[in-house]
Protein backbone atom coordinates (compact mmCIF):
# COMPACT_ATOMS: atom_id res chain seq x y z
CA MET A 1 -6.33 2.45 17.20
CA HIS A 2 -8.26 4.71 14.84
CA HIS A 3 -10.45 7.79 15.06
CA PHE A 4 -13.72 6.39 13.67
CA SER A 5 -16.20 5.98 16.51
CA TYR A 6 -19.88 6.06 17.45
CA ARG A 7 -21.43 8.96 19.32
CA ASP A 8 -25.09 8.67 20.26
CA GLY A 9 -25.44 5.92 17.67
CA ARG A 10 -23.88 7.89 14.77
CA LEU A 11 -20.52 7.03 13.22
CA PHE A 12 -18.00 9.88 13.20
CA ALA A 13 -14.72 10.45 11.40
CA GLU A 14 -12.88 12.37 14.09
CA GLU A 15 -15.35 15.25 14.78
CA ILE A 16 -17.55 14.89 11.70
CA PRO A 17 -20.50 12.49 11.26
CA LEU A 18 -20.28 10.42 8.10
CA GLU A 19 -23.80 11.49 7.12
CA GLU A 20 -22.59 15.08 6.85
CA ILE A 21 -19.72 14.16 4.53
CA ALA A 22 -22.04 12.01 2.40
CA ARG A 23 -24.45 14.94 1.97
CA GLU A 24 -21.61 17.05 0.59
CA VAL A 25 -19.74 14.59 -1.64
CA GLY A 26 -22.25 11.82 -2.37
CA THR A 27 -21.49 8.10 -2.22
CA PRO A 28 -19.40 6.06 -2.41
CA PHE A 29 -16.36 7.89 -1.02
CA TYR A 30 -13.10 7.13 0.76
CA CYS A 31 -12.48 8.92 4.04
CA TYR A 32 -9.13 9.21 5.82
CA SER A 33 -8.44 10.32 9.38
CA TYR A 34 -5.51 12.73 9.72
CA ALA A 35 -5.16 12.02 13.44
CA THR A 36 -4.93 8.28 12.80
CA LEU A 37 -2.30 8.69 10.09
CA GLU A 38 -0.23 10.90 12.36
CA ARG A 39 -0.66 8.63 15.39
CA HIS A 40 0.37 5.49 13.52
CA TYR A 41 3.47 7.13 12.07
CA GLN A 42 4.55 8.50 15.44
CA ALA A 43 4.07 5.08 17.08
CA PHE A 44 6.43 3.54 14.53
CA GLU A 45 8.92 6.41 14.76
CA ALA A 46 9.00 6.42 18.58
CA SER A 47 9.77 2.70 18.72
CA LEU A 48 13.05 3.28 16.85
CA GLY A 49 14.41 5.83 19.30
CA ASN A 50 18.01 6.82 18.56
CA VAL A 51 18.70 3.97 16.14
CA PRO A 52 19.87 5.41 12.80
CA HIS A 53 16.87 4.86 10.55
CA LEU A 54 14.60 6.10 7.80
CA ILE A 55 10.90 5.27 7.53
CA CYS A 56 9.94 5.18 3.84
CA PHE A 57 6.16 4.99 3.57
CA SER A 58 5.03 2.51 0.91
CA VAL A 59 3.34 4.66 -1.74
CA LYS A 60 1.61 1.69 -3.37
CA SER A 61 -0.58 1.25 -0.31
CA ASN A 62 -2.06 4.75 -0.57
CA SER A 63 -0.68 7.25 -3.08
CA ASN A 64 -2.96 10.25 -2.49
CA LEU A 65 -0.84 13.41 -2.42
CA ALA A 66 -2.50 14.69 0.76
CA VAL A 67 -1.84 11.40 2.57
CA LEU A 68 1.79 11.44 1.43
CA ASN A 69 2.04 15.01 2.68
CA VAL A 70 0.92 13.97 6.16
CA PHE A 71 3.85 11.56 6.41
CA LEU A 72 6.36 13.87 4.76
CA LYS A 73 5.60 16.51 7.37
CA GLN A 74 6.55 13.94 10.02
CA GLY A 75 9.96 13.48 8.38
CA ALA A 76 9.21 10.32 6.40
CA GLY A 77 10.77 9.15 3.19
CA LEU A 78 8.90 7.22 0.50
CA ASP A 79 9.16 3.77 -1.08
CA VAL A 80 8.14 3.81 -4.76
CA VAL A 81 7.75 1.02 -7.31
CA SER A 82 7.11 2.90 -10.56
CA GLY A 83 7.86 6.08 -12.44
CA GLY A 84 4.35 7.25 -11.68
CA GLU A 85 4.88 6.77 -7.96
CA LEU A 86 8.21 8.61 -8.20
CA PHE A 87 6.37 11.48 -9.92
CA ARG A 88 3.79 11.50 -7.12
CA ALA A 89 6.50 11.43 -4.47
CA LEU A 90 8.27 14.45 -5.93
CA LYS A 91 4.95 16.22 -6.55
CA ALA A 92 4.11 15.77 -2.85
CA GLY A 93 7.42 17.41 -1.92
CA ALA A 94 9.50 14.39 -0.92
CA ASP A 95 13.24 14.78 -0.44
CA PRO A 96 14.76 12.61 -3.22
CA ARG A 97 17.47 11.54 -0.78
CA LYS A 98 14.71 9.85 1.22
CA ILE A 99 13.26 7.88 -1.72
CA VAL A 100 13.95 4.20 -2.40
CA PHE A 101 12.86 2.61 -5.69
CA ALA A 102 11.83 -1.07 -5.74
CA GLY A 103 10.02 -3.21 -8.32
CA VAL A 104 10.98 -6.16 -10.53
CA GLY A 105 10.39 -4.45 -13.88
CA LYS A 106 12.03 -1.02 -13.88
CA THR A 107 12.20 0.45 -17.38
CA VAL A 108 15.02 2.51 -18.86
CA ARG A 109 12.85 5.61 -18.64
CA GLU A 110 12.13 4.98 -14.94
CA MET A 111 15.82 4.47 -14.24
CA GLU A 112 16.65 7.73 -16.01
CA GLU A 113 14.01 9.63 -14.06
CA ALA A 114 15.20 8.27 -10.73
CA LEU A 115 18.85 8.98 -11.54
CA ARG A 116 18.03 12.57 -12.48
CA ALA A 117 16.11 12.96 -9.23
CA GLU A 118 19.15 11.64 -7.31
CA ILE A 119 17.20 9.20 -5.14
CA LEU A 120 18.74 7.45 -2.15
CA LEU A 121 18.64 3.84 -3.39
CA PHE A 122 17.64 1.58 -6.26
CA ASN A 123 16.47 -1.75 -4.83
CA VAL A 124 17.69 -3.96 -7.70
CA GLU A 125 15.88 -7.27 -8.19
CA SER A 126 17.87 -9.18 -10.81
CA GLU A 127 21.28 -9.47 -12.44
CA GLN A 128 19.93 -8.23 -15.77
CA GLU A 129 18.37 -5.19 -14.09
CA LEU A 130 21.74 -4.46 -12.45
CA LEU A 131 23.49 -4.51 -15.85
CA ALA A 132 20.78 -2.35 -17.42
CA LEU A 133 21.08 0.20 -14.62
CA ASP A 134 24.84 0.30 -15.09
CA ARG A 135 24.36 1.10 -18.80
CA VAL A 136 21.74 3.77 -18.14
CA ALA A 137 23.81 5.42 -15.41
CA GLY A 138 26.88 5.34 -17.64
CA GLN A 139 25.06 7.03 -20.50
CA GLY A 140 24.17 9.85 -18.11
CA GLY A 141 27.63 10.02 -16.60
CA MET A 142 26.20 9.14 -13.18
CA LYS A 143 26.67 6.48 -10.53
CA ALA A 144 23.66 4.55 -9.27
CA PRO A 145 23.42 3.83 -5.52
CA VAL A 146 22.21 0.25 -5.19
CA ALA A 147 20.84 -2.24 -2.69
CA LEU A 148 20.24 -5.72 -4.03
CA ARG A 149 16.87 -7.17 -3.06
CA VAL A 150 17.72 -10.56 -1.61
CA ASN A 151 15.09 -13.30 -1.51
CA PRO A 152 15.72 -15.16 1.77
CA ASP A 153 13.28 -18.05 1.08
CA ILE A 154 11.34 -17.36 4.29
CA ASN A 155 7.65 -18.27 4.55
CA PRO A 156 5.79 -15.16 5.79
CA GLN A 157 2.60 -17.11 6.62
CA THR A 158 0.35 -14.80 4.62
CA HIS A 159 -1.91 -15.00 1.55
CA PRO A 160 0.04 -16.47 -1.41
CA TYR A 161 -0.78 -13.44 -3.59
CA ILE A 162 1.04 -11.13 -1.16
CA SER A 163 3.93 -13.43 -0.25
CA THR A 164 7.18 -12.20 -1.78
CA GLY A 165 10.04 -13.91 0.08
CA LEU A 166 9.89 -17.52 -1.14
CA LYS A 167 11.94 -19.13 -3.92
CA GLN A 168 8.84 -19.54 -6.07
CA ASN A 169 8.03 -15.80 -5.88
CA LYS A 170 9.16 -13.44 -8.65
CA PHE A 171 10.85 -11.01 -6.30
CA GLY A 172 14.53 -10.52 -5.56
CA ILE A 173 17.79 -12.38 -6.08
CA PRO A 174 18.09 -15.85 -4.53
CA PHE A 175 20.01 -15.75 -1.26
CA ASP A 176 22.43 -18.43 -2.41
CA THR A 177 23.57 -16.41 -5.44
CA SER A 178 23.38 -12.93 -3.93
CA LEU A 179 27.05 -12.79 -2.86
CA GLU A 180 28.21 -13.41 -6.41
CA VAL A 181 25.90 -10.71 -7.78
CA TYR A 182 27.29 -8.27 -5.19
CA ARG A 183 30.80 -9.11 -6.38
CA GLN A 184 29.68 -8.32 -9.90
CA ALA A 185 28.09 -5.06 -8.77
CA LYS A 186 31.34 -4.02 -7.10
CA GLU A 187 33.15 -4.29 -10.43
CA LEU A 188 30.62 -2.29 -12.45
CA LYS A 189 31.82 1.24 -13.20
CA TYR A 190 28.52 3.06 -12.70
CA ILE A 191 27.10 1.06 -9.79
CA GLU A 192 27.74 1.75 -6.11
CA PRO A 193 26.52 -1.16 -3.94
CA ILE A 194 25.81 0.40 -0.54
CA GLY A 195 22.78 -1.49 0.75
CA VAL A 196 20.93 -4.77 1.19
CA HIS A 197 17.17 -4.96 0.74
CA CYS A 198 14.61 -7.64 1.61
CA HIS A 199 10.82 -7.75 1.73
CA ILE A 200 9.04 -11.03 2.41
CA GLY A 201 5.36 -10.16 2.00
CA SER A 202 2.38 -8.20 3.22
CA GLN A 203 -0.19 -8.49 6.05
CA ILE A 204 2.20 -10.58 8.16
CA LEU A 205 0.87 -11.19 11.67
CA GLU A 206 3.83 -13.05 13.19
CA ILE A 207 7.13 -11.40 14.10
CA GLN A 208 9.27 -14.53 13.77
CA PRO A 209 9.45 -14.54 9.93
CA PHE A 210 10.93 -11.02 10.09
CA VAL A 211 13.47 -12.13 12.70
CA ASP A 212 14.43 -15.21 10.67
CA THR A 213 14.89 -13.05 7.59
CA LEU A 214 17.11 -10.59 9.42
CA GLY A 215 19.24 -13.46 10.71
CA ARG A 216 20.02 -14.54 7.15
CA ILE A 217 20.55 -11.00 5.88
CA LYS A 218 22.87 -10.14 8.75
CA GLU A 219 25.19 -12.98 7.75
CA LEU A 220 25.27 -11.64 4.20
CA VAL A 221 26.12 -8.09 5.33
CA GLN A 222 29.01 -9.36 7.42
CA ARG A 223 30.33 -11.41 4.49
CA LEU A 224 30.07 -8.43 2.14
CA ARG A 225 32.06 -6.25 4.49
CA GLU A 226 34.76 -8.91 4.64
CA GLU A 227 35.02 -8.49 0.87
CA SER A 228 35.28 -4.69 1.17
CA ILE A 229 31.75 -4.04 -0.06
CA ALA A 230 30.74 -1.20 2.24
CA ILE A 231 27.12 -1.75 3.20
CA GLN A 232 25.67 1.38 4.77
CA TYR A 233 21.92 0.68 4.52
CA LEU A 234 19.87 -2.31 5.56
CA ASP A 235 16.37 -2.02 4.06
CA LEU A 236 14.09 -4.43 5.91
CA GLY A 237 11.02 -3.70 3.77
CA GLY A 238 7.52 -3.63 5.18
CA GLY A 239 4.69 -6.11 5.53
CA LEU A 240 3.61 -5.75 9.16
CA GLY A 241 -0.07 -6.67 9.36
CA ILE A 242 -3.08 -5.03 10.98
CA ALA A 243 -6.28 -6.27 12.61
CA TYR A 244 -9.10 -6.44 10.07
CA GLU A 245 -11.29 -8.60 12.29
CA ASP A 246 -10.08 -10.24 15.49
CA GLU A 247 -6.45 -10.88 14.47
CA ALA A 248 -3.77 -10.32 17.08
CA ALA A 249 -1.63 -7.91 15.07
CA PRO A 250 1.79 -7.15 16.57
CA ALA A 251 2.47 -3.62 17.74
CA PRO A 252 5.19 -1.74 15.83
CA SER A 253 7.16 -1.46 19.08
CA ASP A 254 7.20 -5.27 19.53
CA TYR A 255 8.23 -5.72 15.90
CA VAL A 256 11.06 -3.19 16.17
CA ASP A 257 12.28 -4.55 19.54
CA ALA A 258 12.54 -8.06 18.12
CA LEU A 259 14.50 -6.85 15.11
CA LEU A 260 16.89 -4.75 17.16
CA GLN A 261 17.66 -7.73 19.39
CA GLU A 262 18.50 -9.82 16.33
CA LEU A 263 20.44 -7.00 14.70
CA GLY A 264 23.10 -6.95 17.40
CA GLY A 265 25.92 -4.49 16.73
CA LEU A 266 25.54 -4.36 12.96
CA ASP A 267 26.40 -0.77 12.07
CA CYS A 268 23.84 0.17 9.40
CA THR A 269 21.18 2.77 8.86
CA LEU A 270 17.91 0.84 8.94
CA ILE A 271 15.25 1.53 6.31
CA PHE A 272 11.65 0.44 6.84
CA GLU A 273 8.88 0.48 4.21
CA PRO A 274 5.62 0.34 6.19
CA GLY A 275 2.39 0.84 4.29
CA ARG A 276 -0.70 -0.99 5.53
CA VAL A 277 0.30 -0.66 9.20
CA LEU A 278 0.27 3.15 8.85
CA VAL A 279 -2.77 3.69 6.61
CA GLY A 280 -4.91 0.55 6.68
CA ASN A 281 -7.07 1.43 9.67
CA ALA A 282 -6.84 5.17 8.95
CA GLY A 283 -9.30 4.94 6.05
CA ILE A 284 -12.82 3.71 5.31
CA LEU A 285 -15.01 3.34 2.24
CA VAL A 286 -18.50 4.77 2.79
CA THR A 287 -21.29 3.41 0.59
CA ARG A 288 -25.09 3.66 0.46
CA VAL A 289 -27.58 0.80 0.54
CA LEU A 290 -29.56 0.70 -2.72
CA TYR A 291 -31.72 -2.40 -2.29
CA MET A 292 -32.42 -5.27 0.09
CA LYS A 293 -32.87 -8.60 -1.70
CA ARG A 294 -34.22 -11.36 0.50
CA GLY A 295 -34.03 -14.83 -1.00
CA PRO A 296 -34.86 -18.38 0.11
CA GLU A 297 -31.18 -19.26 0.58
CA LYS A 298 -29.31 -15.97 0.71
CA ASN A 299 -29.93 -12.31 1.54
CA PHE A 300 -28.17 -9.56 -0.35
CA ILE A 301 -27.55 -5.98 0.71
CA VAL A 302 -26.91 -4.15 -2.59
CA VAL A 303 -24.79 -1.03 -2.17
CA ASP A 304 -23.43 1.60 -4.57
CA ALA A 305 -19.75 0.61 -4.12
CA GLY A 306 -18.38 -2.44 -5.85
CA MET A 307 -15.28 -4.50 -6.50
CA ASN A 308 -14.00 -1.76 -8.79
CA ASP A 309 -13.89 0.56 -5.75
CA CYS A 310 -12.51 -1.97 -3.24
CA ILE A 311 -11.21 -5.19 -4.75
CA ARG A 312 -9.51 -6.85 -1.77
CA PRO A 313 -12.54 -8.96 -0.72
CA SER A 314 -13.03 -10.26 -4.27
CA LEU A 315 -9.32 -10.68 -5.07
CA TYR A 316 -8.06 -12.20 -1.83
CA GLY A 317 -11.23 -13.23 -0.07
CA ALA A 318 -10.15 -10.60 2.43
CA TYR A 319 -12.29 -9.73 5.44
CA GLN A 320 -13.20 -6.09 6.05
CA ALA A 321 -15.65 -5.12 8.76
CA VAL A 322 -18.89 -3.35 7.80
CA TRP A 323 -20.29 -0.76 10.20
CA PRO A 324 -23.61 1.09 9.79
CA ALA A 325 -23.35 4.88 9.85
CA VAL A 326 -26.36 4.96 12.19
CA GLN A 327 -26.98 2.25 14.74
CA ARG A 328 -30.57 1.06 14.74
CA GLU A 329 -32.41 -1.34 17.04
CA GLY A 330 -34.24 -4.27 15.52
CA GLU A 331 -33.86 -7.75 14.10
CA LYS A 332 -30.45 -8.37 12.57
CA ILE A 333 -29.99 -9.82 9.11
CA THR A 334 -27.37 -12.22 7.75
CA GLY A 335 -26.40 -11.58 4.15
CA ASP A 336 -23.80 -10.63 1.58
CA VAL A 337 -22.92 -6.99 1.00
CA VAL A 338 -22.64 -6.77 -2.78
CA GLY A 339 -22.10 -4.07 -5.37
CA PRO A 340 -23.52 -3.19 -8.78
CA ILE A 341 -20.74 -4.78 -10.87
CA CYS A 342 -21.81 -7.48 -13.33
CA GLU A 343 -19.67 -10.20 -11.74
CA SER A 344 -20.64 -12.88 -9.23
CA GLY A 345 -17.36 -12.08 -7.49
CA ASP A 346 -18.51 -8.53 -6.78
CA PHE A 347 -18.87 -8.46 -3.01
CA LEU A 348 -17.56 -6.45 -0.07
CA ALA A 349 -18.61 -8.89 2.66
CA LYS A 350 -19.95 -12.45 2.78
CA ASP A 351 -22.44 -13.98 5.23
CA ARG A 352 -22.33 -11.09 7.69
CA LEU A 353 -24.64 -10.66 10.64
CA LEU A 354 -25.62 -7.01 10.31
CA PRO A 355 -27.97 -4.66 12.11
CA PRO A 356 -31.26 -3.82 10.38
CA LEU A 357 -30.65 -1.84 7.19
CA GLU A 358 -32.89 -0.06 4.73
CA PRO A 359 -32.37 1.48 1.28
CA GLY A 360 -30.69 4.85 1.72
CA ASP A 361 -28.70 3.84 4.81
CA LEU A 362 -24.95 4.40 4.85
CA VAL A 363 -22.46 1.70 5.77
CA ALA A 364 -18.69 1.97 6.19
CA VAL A 365 -16.28 -0.66 4.92
CA MET A 366 -13.58 -0.44 7.57
CA SER A 367 -9.78 -0.79 7.28
CA ALA A 368 -9.86 0.48 3.70
CA GLY A 369 -7.02 2.99 3.90
CA ALA A 370 -4.47 0.63 2.35
CA TYR A 371 -4.86 -0.98 -1.08
CA GLY A 372 -8.33 0.52 -1.41
CA PHE A 373 -8.37 3.46 -3.76
CA THR A 374 -4.92 2.59 -5.17
CA MET A 375 -6.35 -0.68 -6.52
CA ALA A 376 -9.62 0.88 -7.73
CA SER A 377 -10.52 0.77 -11.41
CA ASN A 378 -13.07 2.00 -13.94
CA TYR A 379 -14.46 -1.48 -14.59
CA ASN A 380 -18.02 -1.30 -15.95
CA SER A 381 -17.12 2.31 -16.88
CA ARG A 382 -17.70 3.43 -13.31
CA PRO A 383 -16.07 6.70 -12.22
CA ARG A 384 -13.74 6.22 -9.26
CA PRO A 385 -14.94 7.69 -5.95
CA PRO A 386 -13.61 10.83 -4.26
CA GLU A 387 -11.16 10.79 -1.37
CA VAL A 388 -11.83 12.95 1.71
CA LEU A 389 -9.33 13.84 4.43
CA VAL A 390 -10.70 14.75 7.87
CA ARG A 391 -8.75 16.58 10.57
CA GLY A 392 -10.81 17.31 13.66
CA ALA A 393 -13.85 19.25 12.48
CA GLU A 394 -12.25 20.09 9.12
CA GLN A 395 -12.68 18.11 5.93
CA TRP A 396 -11.21 18.40 2.46
CA VAL A 397 -11.90 16.60 -0.81
CA VAL A 398 -8.33 15.58 -1.66
CA ARG A 399 -9.38 13.84 -4.86
CA ARG A 400 -12.64 14.74 -6.57
CA ARG A 401 -15.07 12.18 -7.90
CA GLU A 402 -14.36 11.23 -11.49
CA THR A 403 -16.87 12.16 -14.19
CA TYR A 404 -17.96 10.23 -17.25
CA GLU A 405 -15.82 12.60 -19.30
CA ASP A 406 -12.80 11.70 -17.16
CA ILE A 407 -13.10 8.01 -17.92
CA VAL A 408 -13.11 8.48 -21.71
CA GLN A 409 -10.39 11.13 -21.71
CA GLY A 410 -7.61 10.10 -24.06
CA GLU A 411 -9.82 7.83 -26.17
CA SER A 412 -10.77 8.58 -29.77
CA VAL A 413 -12.29 7.01 -32.84
CA PRO A 414 -9.88 7.24 -35.82
CA GLU A 415 -11.30 9.61 -38.44
CA PRO A 416 -11.23 7.04 -41.26
CA LEU A 417 -13.48 4.84 -39.12
CA SER A 418 -15.80 7.48 -37.72
CA GLY A 419 -17.82 7.87 -40.91
CA ALA A 420 -17.23 4.42 -42.36
CA ASP A 421 -20.19 2.39 -43.56
CA PRO A 422 -20.85 -0.71 -41.48
CA VAL A 423 -19.57 -3.96 -42.89
CA PRO A 424 -22.51 -5.86 -44.44
């Protein structure tokens, strides 16, 4: 469910037509629906009822401060994977005791920053990282609260680039060796092992892989408690998928119900790290048609947004629906929606049957709220688009459009080279 809908043939974001936003901010732009963000969070929260839990929104999916603020106001925590995301989380006003820090390559600086902030948990992904964290915490005279990320070797049935729970993936500690690493953690002076973490992938459309994972992790928690390692938190990660096209995506309530049945009487505070399921369908990328290229074998609809603005279709071959901002009667056209980037892989949609379009028309790339702007780049020296948040009939630019000056900020030509004669 989202709050982008047609009224009299015009596409609205809540109470505002997209044409109106485009007139004010130009194109392309990202647009987020406040009501959808709020609704999706509340649906997840309500399904957990009185079960001790913490929902830590996955910052990597959408890190805009205004979006984070929407969830923080609902009582959410945040899941971060870098020092920059930790900075954003604190800047947005997050309670550090509701922040979990994952990621396979935490640096000493990031560990120091998170320790100073007094976050809830470090999700540690390797034995060497555990030892490094012990040293860093010791140098600061602190104790690091830790959950080991355990790799359960479960196939999540998703795209290989976003699968994280198999033996061949880089993430986590192998299940078979995790008990020994926990024993080691227990003996370290500046480490406090209080949780277990797992995350098997992203855009998962079947509940069973989550249930299978929990079954394995539950056994580990019980074994750890037998060895007097007091596990208080069970972080089940994120990864629940959404409908981009006609997929049958599970409802958060069905997902939670299945997990609670498998959980049994295990006495832990549950941590969830949803990202895409909360923001994916709450955002769109609006772009303008520049040219129509009709060819003998293929038609192309050239728009002013490209793979630098929304890379999922090019990177994963991902499907995202394309809706016209104004519905028009007439003969439909089949073609590729492509951008201005100098790459053959620059496309937003392939072989789509679309309503009649003309240069100047607006189209919306749907389901772009997750891994849209956060994966955008300045490739081809293109300024990144603005982000707009809509609530009812109100709208705010929550990140302005970049300028050419922005994209060269920080660069310089060394003075000895600036006036140097060219090499003959």
